[in-house]
Amino acid sequence: MKEIGFSISELETMSVGQALDSLEEYVESKSDNGKRGNTRRASQADFDAF
């Protein structure tokens, strides 16, 4: 967790869920898959075609 920037004392005050949420956000920000600029909301036509 040092790479994310949390100290041990900060981690002690966080719940497990908060730590995992922070870790997930960090991983998404570092990966190319975290980019969601090319996605769009599916229309009814998309669902009908599926």
Protein backbone atom coordinates (compact mmCIF):
# COMPACT_ATOMS: atom_id res chain seq x y z
CA MET A 1 0.00 0.00 0.00
CA LYS A 2 3.03 2.28 0.13
CA GLU A 3 2.88 2.69 -3.64
CA ILE A 4 -0.63 4.08 -3.26
CA GLY A 5 0.60 6.48 -0.62
CA PHE A 6 -1.02 5.17 2.57
CA SER A 7 0.93 4.83 5.77
CA ILE A 8 0.34 2.05 8.28
CA SER A 9 -1.42 4.46 10.63
CA GLU A 10 -3.77 5.56 7.84
CA LEU A 11 -4.54 1.94 7.00
CA GLU A 12 -5.34 1.21 10.64
CA THR A 13 -8.09 3.84 10.59
CA MET A 14 -9.65 2.52 7.37
CA SER A 15 -12.10 -0.33 7.09
CA VAL A 16 -11.26 -3.25 4.82
CA GLY A 17 -13.85 -2.01 2.33
CA GLN A 18 -12.33 1.47 2.21
CA ALA A 19 -8.86 0.02 1.65
CA LEU A 20 -10.12 -2.24 -1.15
CA ASP A 21 -12.01 0.63 -2.80
CA SER A 22 -8.87 2.76 -2.74
CA LEU A 23 -6.81 -0.08 -4.16
CA GLU A 24 -9.35 -0.67 -6.95
CA GLU A 25 -9.34 3.03 -7.89
CA TYR A 26 -5.54 3.01 -7.96
CA VAL A 27 -5.37 -0.07 -10.20
CA GLU A 28 -7.97 1.37 -12.60
CA SER A 29 -6.07 4.64 -12.83
CA LYS A 30 -2.83 2.80 -13.68
CA SER A 31 -4.31 0.40 -16.24
CA ASP A 32 -5.35 1.17 -19.80
CA ASN A 33 -8.65 -0.62 -19.18
CA GLY A 34 -9.68 2.12 -16.78
CA LYS A 35 -10.36 4.49 -19.68
CA ARG A 36 -14.06 4.66 -20.34
CA GLY A 37 -14.15 7.45 -22.87
CA ASN A 38 -15.08 5.16 -25.76
CA THR A 39 -18.11 3.56 -24.14
CA ARG A 40 -21.68 4.64 -24.61
CA ARG A 41 -24.97 3.80 -23.03
CA ALA A 42 -26.79 0.96 -24.80
CA SER A 43 -29.97 1.93 -26.61
CA GLN A 44 -33.11 -0.15 -27.05
CA ALA A 45 -31.93 -0.94 -30.59
CA ASP A 46 -28.74 -2.43 -29.13
CA PHE A 47 -30.73 -4.66 -26.80
CA ASP A 48 -33.07 -5.69 -29.63
CA ALA A 49 -30.09 -6.60 -31.83
CA PHE A 50 -28.57 -8.64 -29.04
